[in-house]
Amino acid sequence: MKITGNKPVLNKKGKPLTIGMIGDHWCIRVHKRALALQKCGYRIIICGRKVSYGTDQYPLFLMWHDERQFKNAVRVMINEGADILDFSNEPDHPVRWIREVIDEMGVGDHVKLVTDLHDLDLIRRGFITKNEREMFMKSDGLIYVSIPIQEKANYMHSVTKPNIVLYSYCNQGIIKDVVEEEKVIERKGLVYQGGANAKDNEDVNRIYPYRYLYDIIKKLVEMGNETHMYVGNVDAYDSHQETGAIMHPPTIYDKLMKELLNYKYGILIFNNEKGTEDQVNFTLTNKFFEYTAAGLPSLACWCPENMKLVEKWGVGFTFENISEIKDCSHLEEKYPEIINNIEKFNKEVYMENFIVRYENLLAELLGVPKKGVPAKIKKLHKFEYGREESNFQIY
């Protein structure tokens, strides 16, 4: 029998699940999922290596520095009644530590381990590491950020265990909350928010070439665009000063969302002109959903999976080359139509409407009833993910 209404999945004792969410860095994707789950009535307890945005919004926050502390934190979560231990990589090896604690405590029959696969060496670097293989083997269930990554990883890792795709949606109400707190001024300029490599960091640029944005930002400025950058690392903040972009220091998430309201377009471009970077080819980014939630059309180029979503929902502009962007004046005629599409998007595309995919994954792992899904939400899931991928989660 399925659970009806907006009630949470219950454990075998008839209580809403307690979910322990663990990571090295408590990133915004983790917070988005955790906040949506907490709204649904689950008890969320969290663990990370440092205090970051959102960690003050949950009843219990544990910190760790090494394997000993990490394992002790996992023991605390289990003793606190955790039904699910949810780990967000990277790194990959702490999944082994979680499994060792589960086995040591003999709770594997009722405590399940789920891994949210933010980044994979298989995709980013083209090979499978020992730690990545072990992470897949020791997890009970898996979460992917996009369908192409799910398909490739499931094939290469021979995955037969339950797994889902869940995009990095923003939470419901973030637009309303932000707009009510600060009056939106006339929008102007382009903005990039997210990670970027320092110009002269050869090691990082070799490992993560798609995040070398210096030349891209410089080109946008040279074409006559007022361009802003919000980057999370100080070395990129310093080195990109020379591009002519207006640089903003690392900015906490809620303040960033308010400031995004000032701009006219969101830059969704990576250093992937030749299409050789599968991390960009296959991944859907947080920044796409942040831009759209803040009402900004995306300017998408050299990021195929993001470009598909931009075109599917009609919430931005896609380009084969950044030179096509010019000074953006030729986009003015279509701008009102795009804004209208964004307003429609934001009325239904938010994490709370899709978190049931995750809830029903947990129900499957624990052997308890899944949640029923209203027809309107089923339709939304099918449009977003396709019927076949959605069958497991919504039927």
Protein backbone atom coordinates (compact mmCIF):
# COMPACT_ATOMS: atom_id res chain seq x y z
CA MET A 1 0.00 0.00 0.00
CA LYS A 2 1.36 3.41 -0.97
CA ILE A 3 1.51 6.38 1.39
CA THR A 4 -1.05 9.00 0.40
CA GLY A 5 -0.83 12.77 0.70
CA ASN A 6 2.31 14.61 1.69
CA LYS A 7 3.17 12.24 4.52
CA PRO A 8 6.73 11.00 5.03
CA VAL A 9 7.95 7.47 4.43
CA LEU A 10 7.83 5.50 7.70
CA ASN A 11 10.32 2.98 9.01
CA LYS A 12 9.23 -0.46 10.18
CA LYS A 13 8.49 0.98 13.62
CA GLY A 14 5.94 3.31 12.03
CA LYS A 15 7.97 6.49 12.54
CA PRO A 16 9.18 9.03 9.95
CA LEU A 17 12.69 8.21 8.80
CA THR A 18 15.73 9.73 10.44
CA ILE A 19 18.30 10.53 7.76
CA GLY A 20 21.96 11.17 8.52
CA MET A 21 23.50 13.28 5.76
CA ILE A 22 27.29 13.19 5.68
CA GLY A 23 29.95 14.84 3.57
CA ASP A 24 33.38 16.34 3.49
CA HIS A 25 31.92 19.67 2.43
CA TRP A 26 28.28 20.54 3.19
CA CYS A 27 27.67 21.91 -0.32
CA ILE A 28 24.51 23.59 -1.56
CA ARG A 29 23.19 20.45 -3.32
CA VAL A 30 23.25 18.60 0.00
CA HIS A 31 21.44 21.47 1.72
CA LYS A 32 18.78 21.63 -1.01
CA ARG A 33 17.96 17.94 -0.57
CA ALA A 34 18.14 18.07 3.22
CA LEU A 35 15.88 21.13 3.47
CA ALA A 36 13.25 19.57 1.19
CA LEU A 37 13.32 16.36 3.24
CA GLN A 38 13.01 18.25 6.50
CA LYS A 39 9.96 20.06 5.13
CA CYS A 40 8.43 16.64 4.37
CA GLY A 41 8.65 15.64 8.03
CA TYR A 42 11.90 13.70 8.23
CA ARG A 43 14.43 14.18 11.01
CA ILE A 44 17.66 15.30 9.36
CA ILE A 45 20.96 15.08 11.22
CA ILE A 46 24.11 16.20 9.47
CA CYS A 47 27.88 15.82 9.52
CA GLY A 48 30.64 17.73 7.74
CA ARG A 49 34.22 18.92 8.08
CA LYS A 50 33.38 22.60 8.49
CA VAL A 51 30.53 24.96 9.21
CA SER A 52 28.96 26.18 5.97
CA TYR A 53 25.72 27.67 4.70
CA GLY A 54 22.64 25.89 6.05
CA THR A 55 24.28 23.83 8.78
CA ASP A 56 22.44 25.85 11.43
CA GLN A 57 19.03 24.73 10.16
CA TYR A 58 19.11 21.14 11.45
CA PRO A 59 18.71 19.70 14.97
CA LEU A 60 22.13 18.02 15.13
CA PHE A 61 25.38 18.93 13.36
CA LEU A 62 28.51 16.83 13.87
CA MET A 63 32.02 17.67 12.70
CA TRP A 64 34.99 15.48 11.86
CA HIS A 65 38.69 15.83 11.03
CA ASP A 66 39.92 12.26 10.58
CA GLU A 67 38.80 8.64 10.30
CA ARG A 68 38.43 8.20 14.06
CA GLN A 69 36.13 11.20 14.43
CA PHE A 70 34.24 10.32 11.25
CA LYS A 71 33.45 6.82 12.47
CA ASN A 72 32.44 8.13 15.88
CA ALA A 73 30.07 10.58 14.18
CA VAL A 74 28.52 7.72 12.20
CA ARG A 75 28.06 5.76 15.44
CA VAL A 76 26.33 8.77 17.00
CA MET A 77 23.98 9.01 14.00
CA ILE A 78 23.08 5.33 14.24
CA ASN A 79 22.51 5.61 17.99
CA GLU A 80 20.33 8.65 17.26
CA GLY A 81 18.09 6.35 15.23
CA ALA A 82 19.31 6.97 11.68
CA ASP A 83 17.54 4.70 9.20
CA ILE A 84 19.55 6.08 6.28
CA LEU A 85 23.15 7.24 6.09
CA ASP A 86 23.50 9.49 3.06
CA PHE A 87 27.04 10.34 1.93
CA SER A 88 27.92 12.96 -0.68
CA ASN A 89 31.22 12.44 -2.48
CA GLU A 90 33.99 13.61 -2.99
CA PRO A 91 36.19 12.15 -1.54
CA ASP A 92 35.04 8.57 -2.12
CA HIS A 93 36.83 6.60 0.60
CA PRO A 94 34.61 7.62 3.59
CA VAL A 95 31.92 5.31 2.19
CA ARG A 96 34.19 2.45 3.25
CA TRP A 97 34.33 3.89 6.78
CA ILE A 98 30.53 4.12 6.95
CA ARG A 99 30.16 0.51 5.82
CA GLU A 100 32.71 -0.63 8.40
CA VAL A 101 30.71 1.02 11.19
CA ILE A 102 27.42 -0.43 9.92
CA ASP A 103 28.96 -3.91 9.85
CA GLU A 104 30.70 -3.47 13.21
CA MET A 105 27.41 -2.45 14.86
CA GLY A 106 25.45 -5.18 13.08
CA VAL A 107 22.71 -2.83 11.85
CA GLY A 108 22.84 -3.47 8.11
CA ASP A 109 19.37 -5.01 8.11
CA HIS A 110 17.71 -1.70 9.02
CA VAL A 111 20.32 1.02 8.32
CA LYS A 112 21.00 1.60 4.63
CA LEU A 113 23.82 3.53 2.95
CA VAL A 114 23.02 5.83 0.04
CA THR A 115 25.66 7.78 -1.89
CA ASP A 116 24.95 10.99 -3.79
CA LEU A 117 27.48 10.95 -6.62
CA HIS A 118 28.39 14.59 -7.18
CA ASP A 119 31.59 13.90 -9.13
CA LEU A 120 33.13 10.74 -10.56
CA ASP A 121 36.66 10.14 -11.79
CA LEU A 122 35.10 7.89 -14.43
CA ILE A 123 33.43 10.94 -15.95
CA ARG A 124 35.90 13.70 -15.14
CA ARG A 125 39.19 11.88 -15.71
CA GLY A 126 38.20 8.90 -17.84
CA PHE A 127 39.19 6.10 -15.46
CA ILE A 128 37.83 4.31 -12.39
CA THR A 129 39.87 4.56 -9.20
CA LYS A 130 39.97 1.88 -6.50
CA ASN A 131 38.12 4.19 -4.10
CA GLU A 132 35.41 4.91 -6.66
CA ARG A 133 34.88 1.21 -7.37
CA GLU A 134 34.70 0.48 -3.66
CA MET A 135 32.23 3.34 -3.14
CA PHE A 136 29.87 1.81 -5.68
CA MET A 137 30.21 -1.67 -4.21
CA LYS A 138 29.63 -0.67 -0.58
CA SER A 139 26.60 1.60 -1.20
CA ASP A 140 23.08 0.18 -0.98
CA GLY A 141 21.65 2.85 -3.28
CA LEU A 142 22.97 5.56 -5.59
CA ILE A 143 21.91 9.05 -6.67
CA TYR A 144 23.13 10.68 -9.88
CA VAL A 145 23.05 14.32 -11.00
CA SER A 146 22.10 13.56 -14.62
CA ILE A 147 20.79 10.77 -16.84
CA PRO A 148 23.91 10.47 -19.07
CA ILE A 149 26.09 10.01 -15.98
CA GLN A 150 23.67 7.42 -14.63
CA GLU A 151 23.76 5.50 -17.90
CA LYS A 152 27.54 5.51 -18.25
CA ALA A 153 28.31 4.80 -14.59
CA ASN A 154 25.73 2.02 -14.33
CA TYR A 155 27.29 0.35 -17.37
CA MET A 156 30.93 0.78 -16.37
CA HIS A 157 30.33 -0.21 -12.74
CA SER A 158 27.84 -3.01 -13.62
CA VAL A 159 25.28 -1.48 -11.25
CA THR A 160 22.24 -3.59 -10.40
CA LYS A 161 21.31 -1.94 -7.08
CA PRO A 162 18.57 0.73 -6.86
CA ASN A 163 19.62 4.10 -8.26
CA ILE A 164 17.95 7.34 -9.28
CA VAL A 165 18.63 10.67 -10.96
CA LEU A 166 17.83 13.85 -9.06
CA TYR A 167 18.78 17.24 -10.48
CA SER A 168 20.11 20.05 -8.27
CA TYR A 169 16.87 22.02 -8.03
CA CYS A 170 16.49 25.07 -5.82
CA ASN A 171 14.03 24.93 -2.94
CA GLN A 172 10.47 26.14 -3.14
CA GLY A 173 9.95 29.76 -2.15
CA ILE A 174 13.50 30.96 -2.57
CA ILE A 175 12.43 33.47 -5.25
CA LYS A 176 9.53 34.75 -3.17
CA ASP A 177 11.66 35.03 -0.05
CA VAL A 178 14.43 36.86 -1.85
CA VAL A 179 12.15 39.24 -3.74
CA GLU A 180 10.25 40.19 -0.60
CA GLU A 181 13.44 40.95 1.27
CA GLU A 182 15.04 43.17 -1.32
CA LYS A 183 13.50 45.24 -4.08
CA VAL A 184 14.68 44.16 -7.49
CA ILE A 185 16.46 46.97 -9.31
CA GLU A 186 16.69 47.24 -13.07
CA ARG A 187 18.70 44.29 -14.29
CA LYS A 188 21.85 44.76 -16.31
CA GLY A 189 24.98 42.88 -17.19
CA LEU A 190 26.11 39.27 -17.24
CA VAL A 191 27.01 37.25 -14.15
CA TYR A 192 28.96 34.06 -13.53
CA GLN A 193 28.74 32.31 -10.18
CA GLY A 194 30.57 29.15 -9.22
CA GLY A 195 33.98 27.57 -9.40
CA ALA A 196 36.82 28.88 -11.56
CA ASN A 197 40.50 28.07 -11.76
CA ALA A 198 43.17 30.63 -11.03
CA LYS A 199 44.77 31.68 -14.31
CA ASP A 200 48.30 30.47 -13.54
CA ASN A 201 47.58 27.34 -11.48
CA GLU A 202 48.99 24.81 -13.95
CA ASP A 203 48.21 21.70 -11.88
CA VAL A 204 44.55 22.59 -11.35
CA ASN A 205 44.13 23.70 -14.97
CA ARG A 206 45.54 20.38 -16.13
CA ILE A 207 43.21 18.29 -13.95
CA TYR A 208 40.12 20.51 -14.35
CA PRO A 209 40.62 22.24 -17.72
CA TYR A 210 36.91 22.96 -18.13
CA ARG A 211 37.06 25.39 -15.20
CA TYR A 212 39.71 27.56 -16.83
CA LEU A 213 37.44 30.52 -17.61
CA TYR A 214 39.90 33.39 -17.89
CA ASP A 215 39.84 33.66 -21.69
CA ILE A 216 36.07 33.16 -21.84
CA ILE A 217 35.35 35.95 -19.37
CA LYS A 218 37.86 38.24 -21.07
CA LYS A 219 36.15 37.61 -24.43
CA LEU A 220 32.71 38.44 -23.03
CA VAL A 221 34.06 41.72 -21.68
CA GLU A 222 35.80 42.55 -24.97
CA MET A 223 32.50 42.07 -26.83
CA GLY A 224 31.03 44.92 -24.80
CA ASN A 225 29.35 43.11 -21.92
CA GLU A 226 29.36 44.35 -18.35
CA THR A 227 30.45 41.10 -16.73
CA HIS A 228 30.42 40.10 -13.06
CA MET A 229 31.96 37.07 -11.37
CA TYR A 230 31.20 35.48 -8.00
CA VAL A 231 33.81 32.79 -7.42
CA GLY A 232 34.30 30.62 -4.36
CA ASN A 233 38.10 30.71 -4.29
CA VAL A 234 40.29 33.71 -3.53
CA ASP A 235 43.02 32.84 -6.06
CA ALA A 236 40.48 32.96 -8.91
CA TYR A 237 39.08 36.21 -7.49
CA ASP A 238 42.56 37.71 -7.67
CA SER A 239 43.66 36.39 -11.06
CA HIS A 240 40.44 37.27 -12.91
CA GLN A 241 40.76 40.95 -12.01
CA GLU A 242 42.78 41.33 -15.21
CA THR A 243 39.89 40.20 -17.44
CA GLY A 244 37.98 43.45 -17.03
CA ALA A 245 35.16 41.67 -15.21
CA ILE A 246 33.82 43.10 -11.97
CA MET A 247 34.95 40.61 -9.35
CA HIS A 248 32.97 39.83 -6.19
CA PRO A 249 34.53 38.00 -3.23
CA PRO A 250 33.22 34.60 -2.07
CA THR A 251 29.59 35.24 -1.09
CA ILE A 252 27.31 33.16 1.14
CA TYR A 253 24.41 31.49 -0.66
CA ASP A 254 21.44 33.53 0.55
CA LYS A 255 23.25 36.81 -0.11
CA LEU A 256 24.36 35.53 -3.52
CA MET A 257 20.77 34.72 -4.50
CA LYS A 258 19.74 38.28 -3.63
CA GLU A 259 22.59 39.76 -5.63
CA LEU A 260 21.82 37.62 -8.69
CA LEU A 261 18.57 39.58 -8.99
CA ASN A 262 20.60 42.58 -10.12
CA TYR A 263 21.80 40.97 -13.35
CA LYS A 264 20.21 40.31 -16.71
CA TYR A 265 21.86 37.06 -17.86
CA GLY A 266 23.57 34.11 -16.21
CA ILE A 267 26.81 32.81 -17.76
CA LEU A 268 26.57 29.05 -18.27
CA ILE A 269 29.78 28.47 -20.19
CA PHE A 270 32.76 26.17 -19.62
CA ASN A 271 36.11 25.70 -21.33
CA ASN A 272 34.90 22.85 -23.53
CA GLU A 273 34.91 24.20 -27.08
CA LYS A 274 36.14 20.88 -28.52
CA GLY A 275 33.59 18.85 -26.54
CA THR A 276 36.26 16.66 -24.94
CA GLU A 277 35.28 17.22 -21.29
CA ASP A 278 32.69 14.66 -20.23
CA GLN A 279 32.33 16.33 -16.85
CA VAL A 280 30.76 19.22 -18.77
CA ASN A 281 29.15 17.15 -21.53
CA PHE A 282 27.15 14.99 -19.09
CA THR A 283 26.64 17.09 -15.95
CA LEU A 284 23.79 19.39 -14.94
CA THR A 285 25.04 22.21 -12.76
CA ASN A 286 23.74 23.93 -9.65
CA LYS A 287 24.28 27.29 -11.33
CA PHE A 288 21.65 26.63 -14.02
CA PHE A 289 18.99 26.23 -11.32
CA GLU A 290 20.30 29.21 -9.32
CA TYR A 291 20.15 31.48 -12.37
CA THR A 292 16.65 30.35 -13.26
CA ALA A 293 15.39 30.64 -9.68
CA ALA A 294 16.66 34.23 -9.63
CA GLY A 295 14.89 34.98 -12.92
CA LEU A 296 18.00 35.12 -15.12
CA PRO A 297 18.02 33.63 -18.62
CA SER A 298 21.09 31.43 -19.06
CA LEU A 299 23.62 32.09 -21.80
CA ALA A 300 24.66 28.48 -22.41
CA CYS A 301 27.58 27.38 -24.55
CA TRP A 302 29.86 24.32 -24.70
CA CYS A 303 27.87 22.45 -22.02
CA PRO A 304 25.59 20.01 -23.92
CA GLU A 305 23.50 18.60 -21.06
CA ASN A 306 22.81 22.05 -19.62
CA MET A 307 22.01 23.36 -23.10
CA LYS A 308 19.41 20.61 -23.57
CA LEU A 309 17.61 21.68 -20.40
CA VAL A 310 17.79 25.37 -21.32
CA GLU A 311 16.19 24.60 -24.68
CA LYS A 312 13.67 22.12 -23.26
CA TRP A 313 12.21 24.66 -20.85
CA GLY A 314 12.92 27.73 -23.00
CA VAL A 315 14.65 29.51 -20.12
CA GLY A 316 17.67 30.96 -21.87
CA PHE A 317 19.75 31.12 -25.03
CA THR A 318 22.15 28.54 -26.42
CA PHE A 319 25.16 29.15 -28.64
CA GLU A 320 27.61 27.04 -30.61
CA ASN A 321 30.39 29.55 -29.94
CA ILE A 322 30.74 32.37 -27.44
CA SER A 323 31.38 34.83 -30.27
CA GLU A 324 27.67 34.46 -31.13
CA ILE A 325 26.75 36.11 -27.83
CA LYS A 326 28.18 39.45 -29.00
CA ASP A 327 27.01 42.31 -26.75
CA CYS A 328 23.62 40.62 -26.08
CA SER A 329 21.65 43.44 -27.74
CA HIS A 330 20.29 41.01 -30.35
CA LEU A 331 18.65 38.99 -27.55
CA GLU A 332 16.37 41.82 -26.45
CA GLU A 333 13.46 40.93 -28.73
CA LYS A 334 13.09 37.42 -27.30
CA TYR A 335 13.91 38.39 -23.72
CA PRO A 336 10.28 38.89 -22.53
CA GLU A 337 9.30 35.46 -23.85
CA ILE A 338 12.20 33.84 -21.99
CA ILE A 339 11.27 35.67 -18.77
CA ASN A 340 7.71 34.39 -19.11
CA ASN A 341 9.02 30.83 -19.48
CA ILE A 342 11.19 31.28 -16.40
CA GLU A 343 8.20 32.41 -14.37
CA LYS A 344 6.31 29.26 -15.40
CA PHE A 345 9.36 27.12 -14.63
CA ASN A 346 9.70 28.53 -11.13
CA LYS A 347 6.07 27.78 -10.28
CA GLU A 348 6.60 24.02 -10.49
CA VAL A 349 10.28 23.12 -10.89
CA TYR A 350 11.73 23.07 -7.38
CA MET A 351 13.26 20.42 -5.15
CA GLU A 352 10.13 19.75 -3.10
CA ASN A 353 8.27 18.56 -6.23
CA PHE A 354 11.00 16.05 -7.09
CA ILE A 355 12.31 14.84 -3.72
CA VAL A 356 9.80 11.98 -3.82
CA ARG A 357 12.23 10.26 -6.19
CA TYR A 358 14.65 10.08 -3.28
CA GLU A 359 11.97 9.21 -0.72
CA ASN A 360 10.83 6.23 -2.76
CA LEU A 361 14.42 5.08 -3.25
CA LEU A 362 14.74 4.96 0.54
CA ALA A 363 11.45 3.11 0.86
CA GLU A 364 12.68 0.54 -1.65
CA LEU A 365 15.92 0.00 0.26
CA LEU A 366 14.17 -0.32 3.63
CA GLY A 367 11.36 -2.54 2.34
CA VAL A 368 8.58 -0.19 3.45
CA PRO A 369 5.65 1.35 1.51
CA LYS A 370 6.49 4.03 -1.06
CA LYS A 371 4.73 7.35 -1.46
CA GLY A 372 1.98 7.80 -4.00
CA VAL A 373 2.49 10.63 -6.46
CA PRO A 374 -0.32 12.94 -7.68
CA ALA A 375 -1.05 12.86 -11.42
CA LYS A 376 0.21 16.42 -11.92
CA ILE A 377 3.57 15.59 -10.33
CA LYS A 378 3.83 12.34 -12.31
CA LYS A 379 3.40 14.32 -15.50
CA LEU A 380 6.10 16.75 -14.41
CA HIS A 381 8.52 13.91 -13.66
CA LYS A 382 7.89 12.25 -17.01
CA PHE A 383 8.54 15.49 -18.87
CA GLU A 384 11.72 16.15 -16.90
CA TYR A 385 13.26 12.68 -16.82
CA GLY A 386 11.36 10.55 -19.32
CA ARG A 387 8.90 7.77 -18.58
CA GLU A 388 11.38 4.90 -18.30
CA GLU A 389 13.70 6.56 -15.77
CA SER A 390 10.74 7.75 -13.71
CA ASN A 391 8.93 4.41 -13.43
CA PHE A 392 10.88 3.25 -10.38
CA GLN A 393 10.28 6.42 -8.42
CA ILE A 394 6.70 7.37 -9.15
CA TYR A 395 4.70 4.17 -9.64
